[in-house]
Amino acid sequence: MFKIVLRKDAQLDLDEIFVWYEEQKEGLGFEFIDRFEEVLNKIAFNPRYTSFILEDARSASLKRFPMK
């Protein structure tokens, strides 16, 4: 299993996204975080689950929570 490190700016983004989803519907922010953590776990066990976007960064999508 690999260790995943979230940069400080990424954590701040996650906090903002959580708040935004909670404002849309109560509990939706928690669902987002749950899905995000599921993907992180998949990446930790199999880094090839994702695509490289930079030399040291990877990208994965959350089906119910698309990127805009």
PDB file of N, CA and C in Angstrom:
ATOM      1  N   MET A   1       0.855  -1.180   0.000  1.00  0.00           N
ATOM      2  CA  MET A   1       0.000   0.000   0.000  1.00  0.00           C
ATOM      3  C   MET A   1       0.895   1.236   0.000  1.00  0.00           C
ATOM      4  N   PHE A   2       0.523   2.236  -0.804  1.00  0.00           N
ATOM      5  CA  PHE A   2       1.264   3.477  -0.900  1.00  0.00           C
ATOM      6  C   PHE A   2       0.670   4.534   0.022  1.00  0.00           C
ATOM      7  N   LYS A   3       1.501   5.458   0.448  1.00  0.00           N
ATOM      8  CA  LYS A   3       1.038   6.578   1.263  1.00  0.00           C
ATOM      9  C   LYS A   3       0.622   7.712   0.342  1.00  0.00           C
ATOM     10  N   ILE A   4      -0.557   8.252   0.574  1.00  0.00           N
ATOM     11  CA  ILE A   4      -1.054   9.375  -0.214  1.00  0.00           C
ATOM     12  C   ILE A   4      -0.905  10.639   0.619  1.00  0.00           C
ATOM     13  N   VAL A   5      -0.358  11.647  -0.004  1.00  0.00           N
ATOM     14  CA  VAL A   5      -0.149  12.925   0.670  1.00  0.00           C
ATOM     15  C   VAL A   5      -0.978  13.990  -0.035  1.00  0.00           C
ATOM     16  N   LEU A   6      -1.853  14.625   0.719  1.00  0.00           N
ATOM     17  CA  LEU A   6      -2.626  15.745   0.175  1.00  0.00           C
ATOM     18  C   LEU A   6      -1.906  17.036   0.518  1.00  0.00           C
ATOM     19  N   ARG A   7      -1.708  17.831  -0.474  1.00  0.00           N
ATOM     20  CA  ARG A   7      -1.088  19.128  -0.238  1.00  0.00           C
ATOM     21  C   ARG A   7      -2.061  20.019   0.504  1.00  0.00           C
ATOM     22  N   LYS A   8      -1.512  21.014   1.193  1.00  0.00           N
ATOM     23  CA  LYS A   8      -2.343  21.907   2.005  1.00  0.00           C
ATOM     24  C   LYS A   8      -3.422  22.585   1.154  1.00  0.00           C
ATOM     25  N   ASP A   9      -3.060  23.023  -0.046  1.00  0.00           N
ATOM     26  CA  ASP A   9      -4.051  23.682  -0.889  1.00  0.00           C
ATOM     27  C   ASP A   9      -5.149  22.715  -1.337  1.00  0.00           C
ATOM     28  N   ALA A  10      -4.796  21.445  -1.517  1.00  0.00           N
ATOM     29  CA  ALA A  10      -5.806  20.447  -1.863  1.00  0.00           C
ATOM     30  C   ALA A  10      -6.767  20.229  -0.700  1.00  0.00           C
ATOM     31  N   GLN A  11      -6.245  20.201   0.525  1.00  0.00           N
ATOM     32  CA  GLN A  11      -7.106  20.044   1.699  1.00  0.00           C
ATOM     33  C   GLN A  11      -8.046  21.231   1.839  1.00  0.00           C
ATOM     34  N   LEU A  12      -7.542  22.433   1.567  1.00  0.00           N
ATOM     35  CA  LEU A  12      -8.405  23.627   1.618  1.00  0.00           C
ATOM     36  C   LEU A  12      -9.507  23.534   0.564  1.00  0.00           C
ATOM     37  N   ASP A  13      -9.161  23.055  -0.623  1.00  0.00           N
ATOM     38  CA  ASP A  13     -10.170  22.854  -1.667  1.00  0.00           C
ATOM     39  C   ASP A  13     -11.225  21.853  -1.219  1.00  0.00           C
ATOM     40  N   LEU A  14     -10.789  20.750  -0.615  1.00  0.00           N
ATOM     41  CA  LEU A  14     -11.751  19.747  -0.130  1.00  0.00           C
ATOM     42  C   LEU A  14     -12.695  20.330   0.909  1.00  0.00           C
ATOM     43  N   ASP A  15     -12.156  21.150   1.796  1.00  0.00           N
ATOM     44  CA  ASP A  15     -12.990  21.797   2.812  1.00  0.00           C
ATOM     45  C   ASP A  15     -14.054  22.677   2.167  1.00  0.00           C
ATOM     46  N   GLU A  16     -13.650  23.445   1.158  1.00  0.00           N
ATOM     47  CA  GLU A  16     -14.600  24.317   0.457  1.00  0.00           C
ATOM     48  C   GLU A  16     -15.653  23.507  -0.289  1.00  0.00           C
ATOM     49  N   ILE A  17     -15.225  22.432  -0.937  1.00  0.00           N
ATOM     50  CA  ILE A  17     -16.166  21.578  -1.668  1.00  0.00           C
ATOM     51  C   ILE A  17     -17.166  20.952  -0.708  1.00  0.00           C
ATOM     52  N   PHE A  18     -16.682  20.482   0.433  1.00  0.00           N
ATOM     53  CA  PHE A  18     -17.560  19.903   1.446  1.00  0.00           C
ATOM     54  C   PHE A  18     -18.645  20.904   1.845  1.00  0.00           C
ATOM     55  N   VAL A  19     -18.235  22.119   2.160  1.00  0.00           N
ATOM     56  CA  VAL A  19     -19.192  23.155   2.577  1.00  0.00           C
ATOM     57  C   VAL A  19     -20.193  23.429   1.464  1.00  0.00           C
ATOM     58  N   TRP A  20     -19.719  23.538   0.224  1.00  0.00           N
ATOM     59  CA  TRP A  20     -20.615  23.829  -0.895  1.00  0.00           C
ATOM     60  C   TRP A  20     -21.674  22.733  -1.037  1.00  0.00           C
ATOM     61  N   TYR A  21     -21.251  21.460  -0.994  1.00  0.00           N
ATOM     62  CA  TYR A  21     -22.216  20.361  -1.116  1.00  0.00           C
ATOM     63  C   TYR A  21     -23.179  20.337   0.062  1.00  0.00           C
ATOM     64  N   GLU A  22     -22.701  20.627   1.244  1.00  0.00           N
ATOM     65  CA  GLU A  22     -23.598  20.664   2.408  1.00  0.00           C
ATOM     66  C   GLU A  22     -24.628  21.776   2.264  1.00  0.00           C
ATOM     67  N   GLU A  23     -24.251  22.887   1.660  1.00  0.00           N
ATOM     68  CA  GLU A  23     -25.201  23.984   1.429  1.00  0.00           C
ATOM     69  C   GLU A  23     -26.256  23.595   0.402  1.00  0.00           C
ATOM     70  N   GLN A  24     -25.887  22.704  -0.534  1.00  0.00           N
ATOM     71  CA  GLN A  24     -26.844  22.264  -1.545  1.00  0.00           C
ATOM     72  C   GLN A  24     -27.860  21.298  -0.957  1.00  0.00           C
ATOM     73  N   LYS A  25     -27.372  20.396  -0.115  1.00  0.00           N
ATOM     74  CA  LYS A  25     -28.245  19.395   0.510  1.00  0.00           C
ATOM     75  C   LYS A  25     -27.532  18.825   1.722  1.00  0.00           C
ATOM     76  N   GLU A  26     -28.205  18.835   2.841  1.00  0.00           N
ATOM     77  CA  GLU A  26     -27.608  18.310   4.070  1.00  0.00           C
ATOM     78  C   GLU A  26     -27.207  16.851   3.885  1.00  0.00           C
ATOM     79  N   GLY A  27     -25.967  16.549   4.253  1.00  0.00           N
ATOM     80  CA  GLY A  27     -25.441  15.193   4.144  1.00  0.00           C
ATOM     81  C   GLY A  27     -24.665  14.932   2.859  1.00  0.00           C
ATOM     82  N   LEU A  28     -24.858  15.788   1.863  1.00  0.00           N
ATOM     83  CA  LEU A  28     -24.194  15.582   0.582  1.00  0.00           C
ATOM     84  C   LEU A  28     -22.685  15.811   0.693  1.00  0.00           C
ATOM     85  N   GLY A  29     -22.265  16.729   1.542  1.00  0.00           N
ATOM     86  CA  GLY A  29     -20.840  16.953   1.767  1.00  0.00           C
ATOM     87  C   GLY A  29     -20.177  15.724   2.351  1.00  0.00           C
ATOM     88  N   PHE A  30     -20.860  15.077   3.281  1.00  0.00           N
ATOM     89  CA  PHE A  30     -20.316  13.852   3.878  1.00  0.00           C
ATOM     90  C   PHE A  30     -20.250  12.727   2.853  1.00  0.00           C
ATOM     91  N   GLU A  31     -21.251  12.659   1.977  1.00  0.00           N
ATOM     92  CA  GLU A  31     -21.221  11.648   0.922  1.00  0.00           C
ATOM     93  C   GLU A  31     -20.035  11.907  -0.014  1.00  0.00           C
ATOM     94  N   PHE A  32     -19.798  13.172  -0.342  1.00  0.00           N
ATOM     95  CA  PHE A  32     -18.654  13.511  -1.181  1.00  0.00           C
ATOM     96  C   PHE A  32     -17.347  13.034  -0.534  1.00  0.00           C
ATOM     97  N   ILE A  33     -17.168  13.354   0.747  1.00  0.00           N
ATOM     98  CA  ILE A  33     -15.941  12.962   1.449  1.00  0.00           C
ATOM     99  C   ILE A  33     -15.797  11.440   1.476  1.00  0.00           C
ATOM    100  N   ASP A  34     -16.899  10.729   1.701  1.00  0.00           N
ATOM    101  CA  ASP A  34     -16.852   9.260   1.693  1.00  0.00           C
ATOM    102  C   ASP A  34     -16.384   8.731   0.340  1.00  0.00           C
ATOM    103  N   ARG A  35     -16.941   9.262  -0.747  1.00  0.00           N
ATOM    104  CA  ARG A  35     -16.548   8.820  -2.091  1.00  0.00           C
ATOM    105  C   ARG A  35     -15.092   9.177  -2.369  1.00  0.00           C
ATOM    106  N   PHE A  36     -14.676  10.365  -1.933  1.00  0.00           N
ATOM    107  CA  PHE A  36     -13.299  10.805  -2.113  1.00  0.00           C
ATOM    108  C   PHE A  36     -12.339   9.851  -1.402  1.00  0.00           C
ATOM    109  N   GLU A  37     -12.660   9.495  -0.167  1.00  0.00           N
ATOM    110  CA  GLU A  37     -11.806   8.579   0.596  1.00  0.00           C
ATOM    111  C   GLU A  37     -11.775   7.190  -0.034  1.00  0.00           C
ATOM    112  N   GLU A  38     -12.891   6.739  -0.613  1.00  0.00           N
ATOM    113  CA  GLU A  38     -12.904   5.451  -1.314  1.00  0.00           C
ATOM    114  C   GLU A  38     -11.913   5.458  -2.472  1.00  0.00           C
ATOM    115  N   VAL A  39     -11.919   6.546  -3.235  1.00  0.00           N
ATOM    116  CA  VAL A  39     -10.999   6.643  -4.367  1.00  0.00           C
ATOM    117  C   VAL A  39      -9.554   6.717  -3.870  1.00  0.00           C
ATOM    118  N   LEU A  40      -9.312   7.458  -2.798  1.00  0.00           N
ATOM    119  CA  LEU A  40      -7.954   7.512  -2.250  1.00  0.00           C
ATOM    120  C   LEU A  40      -7.472   6.122  -1.850  1.00  0.00           C
ATOM    121  N   ASN A  41      -8.336   5.334  -1.244  1.00  0.00           N
ATOM    122  CA  ASN A  41      -7.964   3.972  -0.856  1.00  0.00           C
ATOM    123  C   ASN A  41      -7.658   3.107  -2.080  1.00  0.00           C
ATOM    124  N   LYS A  42      -8.448   3.257  -3.133  1.00  0.00           N
ATOM    125  CA  LYS A  42      -8.179   2.512  -4.360  1.00  0.00           C
ATOM    126  C   LYS A  42      -6.816   2.898  -4.925  1.00  0.00           C
ATOM    127  N   ILE A  43      -6.513   4.180  -4.897  1.00  0.00           N
ATOM    128  CA  ILE A  43      -5.232   4.667  -5.405  1.00  0.00           C
ATOM    129  C   ILE A  43      -4.089   4.147  -4.542  1.00  0.00           C
ATOM    130  N   ALA A  44      -4.275   4.145  -3.237  1.00  0.00           N
ATOM    131  CA  ALA A  44      -3.218   3.677  -2.333  1.00  0.00           C
ATOM    132  C   ALA A  44      -2.866   2.214  -2.609  1.00  0.00           C
ATOM    133  N   PHE A  45      -3.855   1.409  -2.930  1.00  0.00           N
ATOM    134  CA  PHE A  45      -3.614   0.000  -3.199  1.00  0.00           C
ATOM    135  C   PHE A  45      -3.200  -0.264  -4.641  1.00  0.00           C
ATOM    136  N   ASN A  46      -3.605   0.612  -5.554  1.00  0.00           N
ATOM    137  CA  ASN A  46      -3.277   0.427  -6.966  1.00  0.00           C
ATOM    138  C   ASN A  46      -3.130   1.794  -7.641  1.00  0.00           C
ATOM    139  N   PRO A  47      -1.937   2.379  -7.608  1.00  0.00           N
ATOM    140  CA  PRO A  47      -1.729   3.705  -8.209  1.00  0.00           C
ATOM    141  C   PRO A  47      -2.067   3.760  -9.696  1.00  0.00           C
ATOM    142  N   ARG A  48      -2.027   2.649 -10.372  1.00  0.00           N
ATOM    143  CA  ARG A  48      -2.371   2.644 -11.795  1.00  0.00           C
ATOM    144  C   ARG A  48      -3.868   2.804 -12.029  1.00  0.00           C
ATOM    145  N   TYR A  49      -4.637   2.866 -10.962  1.00  0.00           N
ATOM    146  CA  TYR A  49      -6.082   3.116 -11.047  1.00  0.00           C
ATOM    147  C   TYR A  49      -6.349   4.488 -11.665  1.00  0.00           C
ATOM    148  N   THR A  50      -5.382   5.375 -11.571  1.00  0.00           N
ATOM    149  CA  THR A  50      -5.548   6.754 -12.018  1.00  0.00           C
ATOM    150  C   THR A  50      -4.620   7.073 -13.178  1.00  0.00           C
ATOM    151  N   SER A  51      -4.759   8.297 -13.687  1.00  0.00           N
ATOM    152  CA  SER A  51      -3.916   8.784 -14.774  1.00  0.00           C
ATOM    153  C   SER A  51      -2.985   9.868 -14.256  1.00  0.00           C
ATOM    154  N   PHE A  52      -1.806   9.935 -14.818  1.00  0.00           N
ATOM    155  CA  PHE A  52      -0.894  11.032 -14.484  1.00  0.00           C
ATOM    156  C   PHE A  52      -1.410  12.325 -15.101  1.00  0.00           C
ATOM    157  N   ILE A  53      -1.353  13.415 -14.327  1.00  0.00           N
ATOM    158  CA  ILE A  53      -1.625  14.737 -14.890  1.00  0.00           C
ATOM    159  C   ILE A  53      -0.362  15.586 -14.834  1.00  0.00           C
ATOM    160  N   LEU A  54       0.504  15.271 -13.913  1.00  0.00           N
ATOM    161  CA  LEU A  54       1.833  15.860 -13.781  1.00  0.00           C
ATOM    162  C   LEU A  54       2.761  14.747 -13.337  1.00  0.00           C
ATOM    163  N   GLU A  55       4.048  15.024 -13.322  1.00  0.00           N
ATOM    164  CA  GLU A  55       5.006  13.995 -12.939  1.00  0.00           C
ATOM    165  C   GLU A  55       4.707  13.389 -11.566  1.00  0.00           C
ATOM    166  N   ASP A  56       4.285  14.235 -10.625  1.00  0.00           N
ATOM    167  CA  ASP A  56       4.036  13.762  -9.264  1.00  0.00           C
ATOM    168  C   ASP A  56       2.573  13.894  -8.853  1.00  0.00           C
ATOM    169  N   ALA A  57       1.674  13.990  -9.823  1.00  0.00           N
ATOM    170  CA  ALA A  57       0.248  14.150  -9.512  1.00  0.00           C
ATOM    171  C   ALA A  57      -0.583  13.241 -10.415  1.00  0.00           C
ATOM    172  N   ARG A  58      -1.652  12.732  -9.838  1.00  0.00           N
ATOM    173  CA  ARG A  58      -2.550  11.847 -10.574  1.00  0.00           C
ATOM    174  C   ARG A  58      -3.971  12.388 -10.502  1.00  0.00           C
ATOM    175  N   SER A  59      -4.805  11.905 -11.391  1.00  0.00           N
ATOM    176  CA  SER A  59      -6.187  12.358 -11.465  1.00  0.00           C
ATOM    177  C   SER A  59      -7.133  11.158 -11.447  1.00  0.00           C
ATOM    178  N   ALA A  60      -8.206  11.296 -10.698  1.00  0.00           N
ATOM    179  CA  ALA A  60      -9.272  10.295 -10.676  1.00  0.00           C
ATOM    180  C   ALA A  60     -10.587  11.043 -10.515  1.00  0.00           C
ATOM    181  N   SER A  61     -11.634  10.503 -11.070  1.00  0.00           N
ATOM    182  CA  SER A  61     -12.923  11.187 -10.960  1.00  0.00           C
ATOM    183  C   SER A  61     -13.855  10.435 -10.024  1.00  0.00           C
ATOM    184  N   LEU A  62     -14.787  11.191  -9.481  1.00  0.00           N
ATOM    185  CA  LEU A  62     -15.838  10.633  -8.634  1.00  0.00           C
ATOM    186  C   LEU A  62     -17.111  10.698  -9.464  1.00  0.00           C
ATOM    187  N   LYS A  63     -17.644   9.569  -9.846  1.00  0.00           N
ATOM    188  CA  LYS A  63     -18.752   9.540 -10.811  1.00  0.00           C
ATOM    189  C   LYS A  63     -19.933  10.403 -10.402  1.00  0.00           C
ATOM    190  N   ARG A  64     -20.310  10.361  -9.171  1.00  0.00           N
ATOM    191  CA  ARG A  64     -21.474  11.144  -8.742  1.00  0.00           C
ATOM    192  C   ARG A  64     -21.130  12.617  -8.551  1.00  0.00           C
ATOM    193  N   PHE A  65     -19.873  12.912  -8.428  1.00  0.00           N
ATOM    194  CA  PHE A  65     -19.415  14.267  -8.169  1.00  0.00           C
ATOM    195  C   PHE A  65     -18.417  14.681  -9.256  1.00  0.00           C
ATOM    196  N   PRO A  66     -18.921  15.034 -10.444  1.00  0.00           N
ATOM    197  CA  PRO A  66     -18.019  15.367 -11.550  1.00  0.00           C
ATOM    198  C   PRO A  66     -17.261  16.665 -11.300  1.00  0.00           C
ATOM    199  N   MET A  67     -16.082  16.749 -11.919  1.00  0.00           N
ATOM    200  CA  MET A  67     -15.309  17.986 -11.848  1.00  0.00           C
ATOM    201  C   MET A  67     -15.931  19.004 -12.781  1.00  0.00           C
ATOM    202  N   LYS A  68     -15.858  20.259 -12.384  1.00  0.00           N
ATOM    203  CA  LYS A  68     -16.401  21.331 -13.228  1.00  0.00           C
ATOM    204  C   LYS A  68     -15.306  22.267 -13.624  1.00  0.00           C
TER     205      LYS A  68
END
